[in-house]
């Protein structure tokens, strides 16, 4: 006979657990309580409508493992009917349905069920296929349009010249990245915390007539100095205004101007003006690589996040004031940290000694 002896404290704990645990675990605890009162396994079994051997098994588990031994152990469960369903769905959903002769251009769960049944003789339900898609990390969402991946035929030459400029050890050489962006009276809609419910959704009234400002900005990749011009539009004449500001800010040493290939950076009027100012050297980025190689893009992200996100402006004067406050708050070290990229690191690495950031100007 299997004897179990427990004290009053342990008995109180078992009774409390018997009221808290799920049914089958609670019954196993009652096995132990009755065994502690002197009953044997054959006596407990008919009272609880169990087999005596099964009662004895749980009593032995309590003796060896305590209350933990009365819990259900992890079970493997029933083996899946379709063990290769996930890999099969993943392989079939990658190509478009028209590759398999269907008229549809997009896979749906119902179409996948039909495809598996007709081609692989695999009969599964719609819910089973949907669970398989979730397991392989697929979700139902819209794709996004993207520009064509074109290759600049002069990419190698442009990248080589850019690398040579960034590696210039001359401490008097000024390497600046230039770009421009537009800020509108109309707010840039961004996500924000709002109360749940359609009636409480924030409404942004649009201005009667949307107008804009064009901001031309330049960042010194070695010192973090920032210069900009806020203009009514983007044109070659306004771009030259910024270059004149750079000539005044850097009277000594060559100025390497890194820019993309937009029209105002490649116009005939600009080339004529640059011919009269050999102090400036153009460094064009490979086409379609401005967001990757021009660190000024991150300044525009910061500007639109702090100035334009979910905020409408009544007048251009209010917009100008907001732009000015944001750009004036960007200190050189903060700009270098914000725009940190391989281009900036290469420009600073070429210097013989760390350069001290200068005060930004406008």
Foldseek 3Di string as FASTA:
>chain_A
DDADADDPVVLVVLVVVLVVDDDQLSVLSVLRVVRNVPDALVVVCVVSVHDSVVSVVSNVLCVVPNSVSSDDDDDPDDDDPCPCLLVVLVVVQPDAVVVVPDPDRHDDLVVVQVVCCVPVVDHDDSVVNVVSCVVVPHDDDDDDDDDDDDFFPCQVVLVVVLLVLLLDQPPLEWEKEKDKDKDKLAFDEDDDDWDDDPVGDDDQDGAPDMAIKMKIKMAGLQQLAIDIDIHRDDALVRVVVRVVVVCVVRVDAAYEYEYEDDDSVPDPVVVVVCVVPVSYDYRYHTPPCCVPQGLCVLVVVQLSVQQRHSHGDHDVVVSVVSSVVSVQVQFRVNSCVSSPDPSSVSNNVSHPDRDHHDGYDD
